[in-house]
Amino acid sequence: MDKTKEHLDNLSEIRSIMEQSSRFLSLSGLSGVFAGIFALIGAGTAYWYFGYNLHYKRYYTHVLDNSGSLRLEFLLFLFGVAAAVFFLAIGTGYLLTVRKAKKSGEKIWTPTAKRMLINLAIPLATGGVFCIALLYNGDVYHVAPATLIFYGLALLNASKYTLPDIRYLGISEIILGLLNAFFVGYGLLFWTIGFGLLHIIYGITMYNKYDK
């Protein structure tokens, strides 16, 4: 029995070492919480800009002028809010991940981490270009669902090299984006759920599961 237990312990240790070498495990659950909070603040700012009206007809009066052309001030405002949320989330996530890596004695810039970032960046960059193409052709209605879908695909693609739970967050974002494609007038509401609430739920779950 002692021999069997020793072999099982050895196998468990080998499996743990292999998992650490093939997956980036230093992601902090708190980074998801902060990303969600920043997204909610950004969404609140957008709600204020739109006059707190979620009805799609009023929603798009801010996006398009009477001739059906995109309003430049709307694009600049939305880009500014999105950029602020993005950089705050990335910066906070980086600092929290570095802190977690130092606490556990792990390196942050490993080959696995680089592979994770590459697999995350490819769908994100593709989605960004696709959304620009939508705006270029005057299709503002599908920008919101496209961002959710491509973000979900990016998380799904990167989940092979980090915490497997990110896979479920990615799937949730994809489903939310597909639903939004059928209710295009409520993109801001779906953004709030996808980038705000889902991130907070995911972050709290990951913190309780891995960070405590």
N, C-alpha and C. Protein backbone atom coordinates (compact mmCIF):
# COMPACT_ATOMS: atom_id res chain seq x y z
N MET A 1 0.83 -1.21 0.00
CA MET A 1 0.00 0.00 0.00
C MET A 1 0.87 1.26 0.00
N ASP A 2 1.97 1.24 0.80
CA ASP A 2 2.85 2.39 0.87
C ASP A 2 3.49 2.67 -0.48
N LYS A 3 3.87 1.58 -1.18
CA LYS A 3 4.47 1.73 -2.50
C LYS A 3 3.48 2.34 -3.48
N THR A 4 2.24 1.85 -3.41
CA THR A 4 1.20 2.37 -4.30
C THR A 4 0.95 3.85 -4.05
N LYS A 5 0.87 4.22 -2.78
CA LYS A 5 0.66 5.62 -2.42
C LYS A 5 1.82 6.49 -2.88
N GLU A 6 3.03 5.97 -2.75
CA GLU A 6 4.21 6.72 -3.18
C GLU A 6 4.19 6.96 -4.69
N HIS A 7 3.80 5.91 -5.44
CA HIS A 7 3.72 6.04 -6.89
C HIS A 7 2.64 7.07 -7.30
N LEU A 8 1.50 7.03 -6.60
CA LEU A 8 0.43 7.98 -6.90
C LEU A 8 0.87 9.41 -6.59
N ASP A 9 1.59 9.59 -5.49
CA ASP A 9 2.08 10.92 -5.14
C ASP A 9 3.08 11.42 -6.17
N ASN A 10 3.93 10.51 -6.64
CA ASN A 10 4.92 10.88 -7.66
C ASN A 10 4.23 11.29 -8.97
N LEU A 11 3.22 10.50 -9.34
CA LEU A 11 2.47 10.82 -10.56
C LEU A 11 1.77 12.16 -10.44
N SER A 12 1.20 12.42 -9.26
CA SER A 12 0.52 13.70 -9.03
C SER A 12 1.50 14.86 -9.11
N GLU A 13 2.70 14.67 -8.57
CA GLU A 13 3.72 15.72 -8.62
C GLU A 13 4.18 15.97 -10.04
N ILE A 14 4.38 14.88 -10.80
CA ILE A 14 4.80 15.01 -12.20
C ILE A 14 3.73 15.75 -13.01
N ARG A 15 2.47 15.38 -12.76
CA ARG A 15 1.37 16.03 -13.47
C ARG A 15 1.32 17.52 -13.15
N SER A 16 1.56 17.87 -11.88
CA SER A 16 1.55 19.27 -11.47
C SER A 16 2.67 20.05 -12.15
N ILE A 17 3.86 19.44 -12.23
CA ILE A 17 5.01 20.08 -12.88
C ILE A 17 4.74 20.30 -14.36
N MET A 18 4.15 19.28 -15.00
CA MET A 18 3.85 19.38 -16.43
C MET A 18 2.81 20.47 -16.68
N GLU A 19 1.83 20.56 -15.78
CA GLU A 19 0.78 21.58 -15.95
C GLU A 19 1.36 22.97 -15.80
N GLN A 20 2.28 23.15 -14.84
CA GLN A 20 2.89 24.44 -14.63
C GLN A 20 3.76 24.86 -15.80
N SER A 21 4.38 23.89 -16.47
CA SER A 21 5.25 24.19 -17.60
C SER A 21 4.45 24.47 -18.88
N SER A 22 3.23 23.97 -18.94
CA SER A 22 2.44 24.12 -20.16
C SER A 22 1.32 25.16 -20.02
N ARG A 23 1.08 25.65 -18.81
CA ARG A 23 0.02 26.63 -18.59
C ARG A 23 0.53 27.80 -17.76
N PHE A 24 0.05 28.99 -18.09
CA PHE A 24 0.37 30.19 -17.32
C PHE A 24 -0.67 30.32 -16.21
N LEU A 25 -0.23 30.10 -14.97
CA LEU A 25 -1.17 29.98 -13.86
C LEU A 25 -1.15 31.18 -12.91
N SER A 26 -0.48 32.25 -13.29
CA SER A 26 -0.33 33.39 -12.40
C SER A 26 -1.40 34.46 -12.57
N LEU A 27 -2.39 34.21 -13.41
CA LEU A 27 -3.46 35.19 -13.57
C LEU A 27 -4.19 35.40 -12.25
N SER A 28 -4.43 36.63 -11.91
CA SER A 28 -5.11 36.96 -10.65
C SER A 28 -6.61 37.11 -10.87
N GLY A 29 -7.39 36.49 -9.99
CA GLY A 29 -8.83 36.63 -10.07
C GLY A 29 -9.28 38.06 -9.84
N LEU A 30 -8.51 38.79 -9.02
CA LEU A 30 -8.87 40.18 -8.74
C LEU A 30 -8.78 41.05 -9.99
N SER A 31 -7.91 40.66 -10.94
CA SER A 31 -7.80 41.44 -12.17
C SER A 31 -9.12 41.40 -12.95
N GLY A 32 -9.81 40.25 -12.89
CA GLY A 32 -11.12 40.15 -13.53
C GLY A 32 -12.15 41.03 -12.85
N VAL A 33 -12.08 41.08 -11.52
CA VAL A 33 -13.01 41.93 -10.76
C VAL A 33 -12.81 43.40 -11.11
N PHE A 34 -11.55 43.85 -11.13
CA PHE A 34 -11.27 45.24 -11.46
C PHE A 34 -11.63 45.56 -12.91
N ALA A 35 -11.37 44.62 -13.82
CA ALA A 35 -11.75 44.83 -15.22
C ALA A 35 -13.26 45.03 -15.33
N GLY A 36 -14.02 44.23 -14.59
CA GLY A 36 -15.47 44.37 -14.59
C GLY A 36 -15.93 45.69 -14.01
N ILE A 37 -15.28 46.13 -12.95
CA ILE A 37 -15.64 47.41 -12.32
C ILE A 37 -15.36 48.56 -13.27
N PHE A 38 -14.18 48.53 -13.92
CA PHE A 38 -13.85 49.59 -14.88
C PHE A 38 -14.85 49.59 -16.04
N ALA A 39 -15.25 48.40 -16.49
CA ALA A 39 -16.22 48.31 -17.58
C ALA A 39 -17.57 48.89 -17.16
N LEU A 40 -17.98 48.63 -15.91
CA LEU A 40 -19.25 49.18 -15.43
C LEU A 40 -19.19 50.71 -15.34
N ILE A 41 -18.03 51.23 -14.93
CA ILE A 41 -17.87 52.68 -14.87
C ILE A 41 -17.95 53.27 -16.29
N GLY A 42 -17.29 52.58 -17.24
CA GLY A 42 -17.34 53.03 -18.63
C GLY A 42 -18.75 52.98 -19.18
N ALA A 43 -19.47 51.89 -18.87
CA ALA A 43 -20.85 51.76 -19.33
C ALA A 43 -21.74 52.82 -18.71
N GLY A 44 -21.51 53.13 -17.42
CA GLY A 44 -22.27 54.18 -16.75
C GLY A 44 -22.05 55.53 -17.41
N THR A 45 -20.79 55.77 -17.81
CA THR A 45 -20.48 57.02 -18.51
C THR A 45 -21.22 57.09 -19.84
N ALA A 46 -21.27 55.95 -20.55
CA ALA A 46 -21.98 55.90 -21.84
C ALA A 46 -23.48 56.07 -21.63
N TYR A 47 -24.04 55.45 -20.58
CA TYR A 47 -25.46 55.62 -20.28
C TYR A 47 -25.78 57.09 -20.03
N TRP A 48 -24.89 57.75 -19.31
CA TRP A 48 -25.08 59.19 -19.07
C TRP A 48 -25.06 59.96 -20.37
N TYR A 49 -24.14 59.61 -21.25
CA TYR A 49 -24.02 60.28 -22.55
C TYR A 49 -25.27 60.08 -23.39
N PHE A 50 -25.86 58.88 -23.31
CA PHE A 50 -27.05 58.58 -24.09
C PHE A 50 -28.34 59.00 -23.38
N GLY A 51 -28.22 59.62 -22.24
CA GLY A 51 -29.40 60.08 -21.53
C GLY A 51 -30.13 58.97 -20.81
N TYR A 52 -29.42 57.88 -20.46
CA TYR A 52 -29.99 56.74 -19.73
C TYR A 52 -31.17 56.11 -20.46
N ASN A 53 -31.17 56.17 -21.78
CA ASN A 53 -32.26 55.60 -22.56
C ASN A 53 -31.72 54.42 -23.35
N LEU A 54 -32.25 53.21 -23.09
CA LEU A 54 -31.77 52.00 -23.75
C LEU A 54 -32.58 51.64 -24.98
N HIS A 55 -33.63 52.39 -25.26
CA HIS A 55 -34.44 52.05 -26.43
C HIS A 55 -33.61 52.26 -27.69
N TYR A 56 -33.62 51.27 -28.58
CA TYR A 56 -32.67 51.28 -29.70
C TYR A 56 -32.85 52.49 -30.62
N LYS A 57 -34.07 53.00 -30.77
CA LYS A 57 -34.27 54.14 -31.66
C LYS A 57 -33.60 55.38 -31.11
N ARG A 58 -33.69 55.59 -29.78
CA ARG A 58 -33.00 56.72 -29.17
C ARG A 58 -31.51 56.46 -29.11
N TYR A 59 -31.14 55.21 -28.93
CA TYR A 59 -29.73 54.82 -28.85
C TYR A 59 -28.99 55.23 -30.13
N TYR A 60 -29.59 54.97 -31.28
CA TYR A 60 -28.92 55.24 -32.54
C TYR A 60 -29.07 56.67 -33.03
N THR A 61 -29.89 57.48 -32.35
CA THR A 61 -29.91 58.90 -32.71
C THR A 61 -28.59 59.56 -32.35
N HIS A 62 -27.85 58.96 -31.40
CA HIS A 62 -26.53 59.48 -31.03
C HIS A 62 -25.45 58.97 -31.97
N VAL A 63 -25.72 57.87 -32.63
CA VAL A 63 -24.72 57.23 -33.48
C VAL A 63 -24.76 57.77 -34.90
N LEU A 64 -25.95 57.96 -35.43
CA LEU A 64 -26.13 58.39 -36.82
C LEU A 64 -26.81 59.75 -36.88
N ASP A 65 -26.43 60.55 -37.88
CA ASP A 65 -27.12 61.82 -38.06
C ASP A 65 -28.34 61.62 -38.97
N ASN A 66 -29.00 62.70 -39.34
CA ASN A 66 -30.24 62.59 -40.13
C ASN A 66 -30.03 61.96 -41.51
N SER A 67 -28.80 62.07 -42.01
CA SER A 67 -28.51 61.48 -43.32
C SER A 67 -28.06 60.03 -43.23
N GLY A 68 -27.96 59.50 -42.00
CA GLY A 68 -27.53 58.11 -41.82
C GLY A 68 -26.03 57.94 -41.72
N SER A 69 -25.28 59.05 -41.65
CA SER A 69 -23.82 58.99 -41.53
C SER A 69 -23.42 58.92 -40.06
N LEU A 70 -22.25 58.33 -39.83
CA LEU A 70 -21.76 58.22 -38.46
C LEU A 70 -21.38 59.59 -37.92
N ARG A 71 -21.68 59.81 -36.65
CA ARG A 71 -21.30 61.05 -36.00
C ARG A 71 -19.88 60.91 -35.43
N LEU A 72 -18.99 61.80 -35.85
CA LEU A 72 -17.59 61.73 -35.43
C LEU A 72 -17.46 61.90 -33.93
N GLU A 73 -18.25 62.80 -33.35
CA GLU A 73 -18.14 63.03 -31.91
C GLU A 73 -18.52 61.78 -31.10
N PHE A 74 -19.48 61.00 -31.65
CA PHE A 74 -19.86 59.76 -30.99
C PHE A 74 -18.70 58.77 -31.02
N LEU A 75 -18.07 58.62 -32.17
CA LEU A 75 -16.97 57.67 -32.30
C LEU A 75 -15.80 58.06 -31.40
N LEU A 76 -15.49 59.37 -31.34
CA LEU A 76 -14.39 59.82 -30.49
C LEU A 76 -14.70 59.58 -29.02
N PHE A 77 -15.93 59.86 -28.64
CA PHE A 77 -16.33 59.63 -27.25
C PHE A 77 -16.25 58.16 -26.89
N LEU A 78 -16.83 57.31 -27.74
CA LEU A 78 -16.85 55.88 -27.46
C LEU A 78 -15.44 55.30 -27.46
N PHE A 79 -14.60 55.75 -28.39
CA PHE A 79 -13.22 55.28 -28.44
C PHE A 79 -12.47 55.70 -27.18
N GLY A 80 -12.69 56.93 -26.73
CA GLY A 80 -12.02 57.41 -25.52
C GLY A 80 -12.40 56.60 -24.30
N VAL A 81 -13.70 56.32 -24.14
CA VAL A 81 -14.17 55.53 -23.00
C VAL A 81 -13.61 54.11 -23.07
N ALA A 82 -13.68 53.49 -24.26
CA ALA A 82 -13.18 52.13 -24.43
C ALA A 82 -11.68 52.04 -24.17
N ALA A 83 -10.93 53.04 -24.66
CA ALA A 83 -9.48 53.05 -24.45
C ALA A 83 -9.13 53.19 -22.98
N ALA A 84 -9.85 54.05 -22.28
CA ALA A 84 -9.61 54.25 -20.85
C ALA A 84 -9.88 52.97 -20.07
N VAL A 85 -11.01 52.32 -20.36
CA VAL A 85 -11.36 51.06 -19.70
C VAL A 85 -10.31 49.99 -20.00
N PHE A 86 -9.91 49.91 -21.27
CA PHE A 86 -8.93 48.89 -21.70
C PHE A 86 -7.60 49.05 -20.97
N PHE A 87 -7.05 50.26 -20.97
CA PHE A 87 -5.73 50.47 -20.36
C PHE A 87 -5.77 50.35 -18.84
N LEU A 88 -6.86 50.77 -18.22
CA LEU A 88 -6.99 50.59 -16.77
C LEU A 88 -7.07 49.11 -16.42
N ALA A 89 -7.84 48.34 -17.21
CA ALA A 89 -7.99 46.91 -16.95
C ALA A 89 -6.67 46.17 -17.19
N ILE A 90 -5.99 46.50 -18.29
CA ILE A 90 -4.71 45.85 -18.61
C ILE A 90 -3.66 46.19 -17.57
N GLY A 91 -3.57 47.47 -17.21
CA GLY A 91 -2.57 47.90 -16.23
C GLY A 91 -2.78 47.26 -14.87
N THR A 92 -4.02 47.28 -14.40
CA THR A 92 -4.33 46.66 -13.11
C THR A 92 -4.10 45.16 -13.15
N GLY A 93 -4.53 44.52 -14.25
CA GLY A 93 -4.33 43.08 -14.40
C GLY A 93 -2.86 42.71 -14.39
N TYR A 94 -2.03 43.51 -15.05
CA TYR A 94 -0.59 43.24 -15.08
C TYR A 94 0.02 43.35 -13.68
N LEU A 95 -0.31 44.41 -12.96
CA LEU A 95 0.25 44.61 -11.62
C LEU A 95 -0.17 43.48 -10.67
N LEU A 96 -1.44 43.09 -10.73
CA LEU A 96 -1.93 42.02 -9.85
C LEU A 96 -1.33 40.67 -10.22
N THR A 97 -1.13 40.44 -11.51
CA THR A 97 -0.53 39.18 -11.96
C THR A 97 0.94 39.11 -11.54
N VAL A 98 1.66 40.22 -11.66
CA VAL A 98 3.06 40.27 -11.22
C VAL A 98 3.15 40.00 -9.72
N ARG A 99 2.24 40.61 -8.96
CA ARG A 99 2.23 40.40 -7.50
C ARG A 99 1.98 38.94 -7.16
N LYS A 100 1.03 38.31 -7.86
CA LYS A 100 0.73 36.90 -7.60
C LYS A 100 1.90 36.01 -7.99
N ALA A 101 2.56 36.32 -9.11
CA ALA A 101 3.69 35.52 -9.56
C ALA A 101 4.85 35.61 -8.57
N LYS A 102 5.11 36.82 -8.06
CA LYS A 102 6.20 36.98 -7.08
C LYS A 102 5.87 36.25 -5.79
N LYS A 103 4.61 36.29 -5.39
CA LYS A 103 4.18 35.64 -4.16
C LYS A 103 4.36 34.13 -4.23
N SER A 104 4.12 33.56 -5.40
CA SER A 104 4.24 32.11 -5.57
C SER A 104 5.61 31.70 -6.10
N GLY A 105 6.50 32.68 -6.30
CA GLY A 105 7.85 32.38 -6.75
C GLY A 105 7.94 31.94 -8.20
N GLU A 106 7.00 32.39 -9.04
CA GLU A 106 6.99 32.01 -10.45
C GLU A 106 7.41 33.18 -11.33
N LYS A 107 7.94 32.85 -12.50
CA LYS A 107 8.29 33.87 -13.48
C LYS A 107 7.03 34.24 -14.26
N ILE A 108 6.96 35.50 -14.67
CA ILE A 108 5.77 35.94 -15.41
C ILE A 108 5.98 35.85 -16.91
N TRP A 109 7.19 36.20 -17.41
CA TRP A 109 7.44 36.17 -18.85
C TRP A 109 8.07 34.84 -19.23
N THR A 110 7.23 33.84 -19.37
CA THR A 110 7.67 32.50 -19.76
C THR A 110 7.22 32.23 -21.19
N PRO A 111 7.80 31.21 -21.83
CA PRO A 111 7.33 30.85 -23.18
C PRO A 111 5.83 30.57 -23.22
N THR A 112 5.31 29.97 -22.15
CA THR A 112 3.87 29.69 -22.10
C THR A 112 3.05 30.97 -22.05
N ALA A 113 3.53 31.95 -21.26
CA ALA A 113 2.84 33.24 -21.17
C ALA A 113 2.84 33.93 -22.53
N LYS A 114 3.95 33.84 -23.25
CA LYS A 114 4.02 34.46 -24.57
C LYS A 114 3.07 33.79 -25.55
N ARG A 115 2.99 32.45 -25.48
CA ARG A 115 2.06 31.74 -26.36
C ARG A 115 0.62 32.11 -26.04
N MET A 116 0.33 32.28 -24.74
CA MET A 116 -1.01 32.67 -24.33
C MET A 116 -1.37 34.04 -24.91
N LEU A 117 -0.44 35.00 -24.81
CA LEU A 117 -0.70 36.34 -25.31
C LEU A 117 -0.87 36.36 -26.83
N ILE A 118 -0.07 35.56 -27.53
CA ILE A 118 -0.20 35.49 -28.99
C ILE A 118 -1.56 34.93 -29.38
N ASN A 119 -1.96 33.84 -28.70
CA ASN A 119 -3.25 33.23 -29.01
C ASN A 119 -4.42 34.13 -28.62
N LEU A 120 -4.21 35.00 -27.63
CA LEU A 120 -5.23 35.96 -27.25
C LEU A 120 -5.29 37.11 -28.25
N ALA A 121 -4.11 37.54 -28.71
CA ALA A 121 -4.03 38.73 -29.55
C ALA A 121 -4.57 38.51 -30.96
N ILE A 122 -4.38 37.32 -31.52
CA ILE A 122 -4.78 37.09 -32.92
C ILE A 122 -6.29 37.28 -33.12
N PRO A 123 -7.17 36.63 -32.33
CA PRO A 123 -8.61 36.89 -32.51
C PRO A 123 -9.00 38.33 -32.16
N LEU A 124 -8.32 38.93 -31.16
CA LEU A 124 -8.64 40.31 -30.79
C LEU A 124 -8.31 41.27 -31.93
N ALA A 125 -7.14 41.10 -32.53
CA ALA A 125 -6.74 41.96 -33.64
C ALA A 125 -7.67 41.76 -34.84
N THR A 126 -8.01 40.50 -35.10
CA THR A 126 -8.93 40.20 -36.20
C THR A 126 -10.29 40.86 -35.96
N GLY A 127 -10.78 40.74 -34.74
CA GLY A 127 -12.05 41.36 -34.39
C GLY A 127 -12.01 42.87 -34.50
N GLY A 128 -10.87 43.47 -34.10
CA GLY A 128 -10.73 44.91 -34.20
C GLY A 128 -10.81 45.40 -35.63
N VAL A 129 -10.11 44.70 -36.53
CA VAL A 129 -10.14 45.06 -37.95
C VAL A 129 -11.54 44.86 -38.52
N PHE A 130 -12.19 43.78 -38.11
CA PHE A 130 -13.54 43.49 -38.59
C PHE A 130 -14.51 44.58 -38.16
N CYS A 131 -14.39 45.05 -36.92
CA CYS A 131 -15.27 46.12 -36.43
C CYS A 131 -15.01 47.43 -37.17
N ILE A 132 -13.74 47.70 -37.48
CA ILE A 132 -13.42 48.89 -38.28
C ILE A 132 -14.07 48.79 -39.65
N ALA A 133 -14.05 47.59 -40.24
CA ALA A 133 -14.68 47.37 -41.54
C ALA A 133 -16.19 47.60 -41.46
N LEU A 134 -16.80 47.16 -40.34
CA LEU A 134 -18.24 47.39 -40.15
C LEU A 134 -18.54 48.88 -40.10
N LEU A 135 -17.74 49.62 -39.33
CA LEU A 135 -17.95 51.06 -39.23
C LEU A 135 -17.69 51.75 -40.56
N TYR A 136 -16.69 51.29 -41.27
CA TYR A 136 -16.36 51.88 -42.57
C TYR A 136 -17.53 51.74 -43.55
N ASN A 137 -18.24 50.63 -43.43
CA ASN A 137 -19.38 50.39 -44.32
C ASN A 137 -20.71 50.85 -43.71
N GLY A 138 -20.63 51.56 -42.59
CA GLY A 138 -21.83 52.14 -41.98
C GLY A 138 -22.68 51.18 -41.20
N ASP A 139 -22.16 50.01 -40.89
CA ASP A 139 -22.93 49.02 -40.13
C ASP A 139 -22.56 49.12 -38.65
N VAL A 140 -23.21 50.04 -37.95
CA VAL A 140 -22.93 50.21 -36.53
C VAL A 140 -23.68 49.18 -35.69
N TYR A 141 -24.67 48.55 -36.26
CA TYR A 141 -25.56 47.69 -35.51
C TYR A 141 -24.88 46.41 -35.02
N HIS A 142 -23.87 45.95 -35.75
CA HIS A 142 -23.25 44.67 -35.40
C HIS A 142 -21.87 44.82 -34.77
N VAL A 143 -21.48 46.05 -34.46
CA VAL A 143 -20.18 46.26 -33.82
C VAL A 143 -20.16 45.67 -32.42
N ALA A 144 -21.20 45.95 -31.63
CA ALA A 144 -21.26 45.44 -30.25
C ALA A 144 -21.23 43.91 -30.19
N PRO A 145 -22.12 43.22 -30.93
CA PRO A 145 -22.04 41.75 -30.89
C PRO A 145 -20.72 41.21 -31.41
N ALA A 146 -20.12 41.89 -32.40
CA ALA A 146 -18.84 41.42 -32.93
C ALA A 146 -17.74 41.51 -31.89
N THR A 147 -17.73 42.59 -31.10
CA THR A 147 -16.70 42.71 -30.06
C THR A 147 -16.83 41.60 -29.02
N LEU A 148 -18.05 41.29 -28.62
CA LEU A 148 -18.27 40.22 -27.65
C LEU A 148 -17.87 38.86 -28.21
N ILE A 149 -18.23 38.60 -29.45
CA ILE A 149 -17.92 37.30 -30.07
C ILE A 149 -16.42 37.11 -30.23
N PHE A 150 -15.74 38.11 -30.78
CA PHE A 150 -14.29 37.97 -31.00
C PHE A 150 -13.53 37.95 -29.68
N TYR A 151 -14.01 38.69 -28.68
CA TYR A 151 -13.37 38.63 -27.36
C TYR A 151 -13.53 37.24 -26.76
N GLY A 152 -14.73 36.66 -26.90
CA GLY A 152 -14.95 35.30 -26.42
C GLY A 152 -14.06 34.30 -27.14
N LEU A 153 -13.90 34.46 -28.45
CA LEU A 153 -13.03 33.56 -29.21
C LEU A 153 -11.57 33.71 -28.76
N ALA A 154 -11.17 34.95 -28.44
CA ALA A 154 -9.81 35.17 -27.96
C ALA A 154 -9.57 34.46 -26.63
N LEU A 155 -10.52 34.58 -25.71
CA LEU A 155 -10.40 33.89 -24.42
C LEU A 155 -10.38 32.38 -24.61
N LEU A 156 -11.22 31.88 -25.49
CA LEU A 156 -11.29 30.45 -25.76
C LEU A 156 -9.96 29.96 -26.33
N ASN A 157 -9.38 30.75 -27.21
CA ASN A 157 -8.11 30.39 -27.84
C ASN A 157 -6.96 30.41 -26.84
N ALA A 158 -6.98 31.38 -25.92
CA ALA A 158 -5.90 31.52 -24.94
C ALA A 158 -6.03 30.55 -23.78
N SER A 159 -7.23 30.00 -23.57
CA SER A 159 -7.47 29.13 -22.41
C SER A 159 -6.63 27.85 -22.45
N LYS A 160 -6.11 27.51 -23.62
CA LYS A 160 -5.26 26.32 -23.74
C LYS A 160 -3.94 26.50 -22.99
N TYR A 161 -3.57 27.76 -22.71
CA TYR A 161 -2.27 28.04 -22.10
C TYR A 161 -2.37 28.69 -20.73
N THR A 162 -3.56 28.72 -20.16
CA THR A 162 -3.72 29.31 -18.83
C THR A 162 -4.81 28.57 -18.06
N LEU A 163 -5.42 29.22 -17.10
CA LEU A 163 -6.44 28.58 -16.29
C LEU A 163 -7.60 28.10 -17.15
N PRO A 164 -7.99 26.84 -17.05
CA PRO A 164 -9.04 26.31 -17.92
C PRO A 164 -10.39 26.98 -17.73
N ASP A 165 -10.58 27.64 -16.58
CA ASP A 165 -11.86 28.30 -16.32
C ASP A 165 -12.13 29.45 -17.27
N ILE A 166 -11.06 30.01 -17.84
CA ILE A 166 -11.23 31.11 -18.80
C ILE A 166 -12.02 30.64 -20.01
N ARG A 167 -11.95 29.35 -20.29
CA ARG A 167 -12.70 28.78 -21.41
C ARG A 167 -14.20 29.05 -21.25
N TYR A 168 -14.70 28.91 -20.02
CA TYR A 168 -16.13 29.10 -19.77
C TYR A 168 -16.52 30.57 -19.88
N LEU A 169 -15.61 31.46 -19.47
CA LEU A 169 -15.86 32.89 -19.65
C LEU A 169 -15.94 33.21 -21.14
N GLY A 170 -15.03 32.63 -21.92
CA GLY A 170 -15.04 32.85 -23.36
C GLY A 170 -16.32 32.36 -24.02
N ILE A 171 -16.76 31.18 -23.63
CA ILE A 171 -18.00 30.63 -24.19
C ILE A 171 -19.18 31.52 -23.82
N SER A 172 -19.20 32.02 -22.60
CA SER A 172 -20.29 32.91 -22.16
C SER A 172 -20.31 34.19 -22.97
N GLU A 173 -19.12 34.75 -23.26
CA GLU A 173 -19.04 35.97 -24.06
C GLU A 173 -19.55 35.72 -25.49
N ILE A 174 -19.20 34.57 -26.05
CA ILE A 174 -19.65 34.22 -27.41
C ILE A 174 -21.17 34.10 -27.46
N ILE A 175 -21.74 33.39 -26.49
CA ILE A 175 -23.20 33.23 -26.44
C ILE A 175 -23.88 34.59 -26.30
N LEU A 176 -23.32 35.44 -25.45
CA LEU A 176 -23.90 36.77 -25.24
C LEU A 176 -23.82 37.59 -26.53
N GLY A 177 -22.71 37.48 -27.25
CA GLY A 177 -22.57 38.20 -28.50
C GLY A 177 -23.54 37.73 -29.56
N LEU A 178 -23.77 36.41 -29.62
CA LEU A 178 -24.72 35.87 -30.58
C LEU A 178 -26.14 36.33 -30.27
N LEU A 179 -26.48 36.37 -28.99
CA LEU A 179 -27.79 36.89 -28.59
C LEU A 179 -27.92 38.36 -28.98
N ASN A 180 -26.85 39.12 -28.75
CA ASN A 180 -26.86 40.53 -29.09
C ASN A 180 -27.06 40.75 -30.59
N ALA A 181 -26.59 39.79 -31.41
CA ALA A 181 -26.76 39.91 -32.87
C ALA A 181 -28.23 39.89 -33.27
N PHE A 182 -29.08 39.33 -32.41
CA PHE A 182 -30.52 39.31 -32.69
C PHE A 182 -31.24 40.51 -32.07
N PHE A 183 -30.57 41.20 -31.14
CA PHE A 183 -31.15 42.37 -30.49
C PHE A 183 -30.14 43.51 -30.59
N VAL A 184 -29.90 43.96 -31.82
CA VAL A 184 -28.80 44.87 -32.09
C VAL A 184 -28.97 46.25 -31.45
N GLY A 185 -30.17 46.63 -31.10
CA GLY A 185 -30.37 47.94 -30.50
C GLY A 185 -29.93 48.05 -29.06
N TYR A 186 -29.52 46.95 -28.48
CA TYR A 186 -29.19 46.94 -27.05
C TYR A 186 -27.74 46.55 -26.81
N GLY A 187 -26.87 47.00 -27.72
CA GLY A 187 -25.46 46.67 -27.61
C GLY A 187 -24.83 47.14 -26.32
N LEU A 188 -25.19 48.33 -25.87
CA LEU A 188 -24.61 48.88 -24.64
C LEU A 188 -25.00 48.03 -23.43
N LEU A 189 -26.22 47.55 -23.42
CA LEU A 189 -26.66 46.69 -22.33
C LEU A 189 -25.89 45.37 -22.33
N PHE A 190 -25.72 44.78 -23.53
CA PHE A 190 -24.97 43.53 -23.62
C PHE A 190 -23.50 43.72 -23.28
N TRP A 191 -22.94 44.86 -23.66
CA TRP A 191 -21.57 45.19 -23.27
C TRP A 191 -21.44 45.24 -21.75
N THR A 192 -22.42 45.86 -21.10
CA THR A 192 -22.39 45.98 -19.64
C THR A 192 -22.38 44.60 -18.98
N ILE A 193 -23.20 43.71 -19.50
CA ILE A 193 -23.26 42.35 -18.96
C ILE A 193 -21.97 41.59 -19.26
N GLY A 194 -21.53 41.65 -20.53
CA GLY A 194 -20.38 40.85 -20.95
C GLY A 194 -19.06 41.31 -20.36
N PHE A 195 -18.77 42.59 -20.48
CA PHE A 195 -17.47 43.10 -20.02
C PHE A 195 -17.49 43.53 -18.55
N GLY A 196 -18.69 43.76 -18.02
CA GLY A 196 -18.80 44.17 -16.63
C GLY A 196 -19.15 43.03 -15.69
N LEU A 197 -20.41 42.61 -15.74
CA LEU A 197 -20.89 41.62 -14.77
C LEU A 197 -20.19 40.27 -14.90
N LEU A 198 -20.02 39.78 -16.13
CA LEU A 198 -19.37 38.47 -16.31
C LEU A 198 -17.93 38.48 -15.79
N HIS A 199 -17.21 39.59 -16.00
CA HIS A 199 -15.84 39.68 -15.49
C HIS A 199 -15.81 39.65 -13.97
N ILE A 200 -16.74 40.35 -13.35
CA ILE A 200 -16.77 40.37 -11.89
C ILE A 200 -17.09 38.99 -11.34
N ILE A 201 -18.09 38.32 -11.92
CA ILE A 201 -18.44 36.95 -11.48
C ILE A 201 -17.26 36.01 -11.67
N TYR A 202 -16.63 36.09 -12.85
CA TYR A 202 -15.47 35.24 -13.14
C TYR A 202 -14.34 35.54 -12.16
N GLY A 203 -14.06 36.84 -11.93
CA GLY A 203 -12.95 37.22 -11.05
C GLY A 203 -13.14 36.73 -9.63
N ILE A 204 -14.35 36.88 -9.10
CA ILE A 204 -14.62 36.42 -7.74
C ILE A 204 -14.49 34.90 -7.65
N THR A 205 -14.99 34.21 -8.65
CA THR A 205 -14.88 32.74 -8.68
C THR A 205 -13.42 32.30 -8.72
N MET A 206 -12.62 32.94 -9.58
CA MET A 206 -11.20 32.60 -9.70
C MET A 206 -10.43 32.95 -8.43
N TYR A 207 -10.78 34.06 -7.81
CA TYR A 207 -10.09 34.46 -6.58
C TYR A 207 -10.33 33.44 -5.47
N ASN A 208 -11.59 33.03 -5.30
CA ASN A 208 -11.93 32.05 -4.27
C ASN A 208 -11.33 30.67 -4.57
N LYS A 209 -11.15 30.37 -5.84
CA LYS A 209 -10.68 29.04 -6.24
C LYS A 209 -9.16 28.92 -6.25
N TYR A 210 -8.46 30.01 -6.66
CA TYR A 210 -7.02 29.90 -6.85
C TYR A 210 -6.18 30.84 -6.01
N ASP A 211 -6.72 31.99 -5.60
CA ASP A 211 -5.89 33.02 -4.97
C ASP A 211 -5.89 32.99 -3.45
N LYS A 212 -6.90 32.38 -2.86
CA LYS A 212 -6.95 32.35 -1.39
C LYS A 212 -5.97 31.33 -0.81
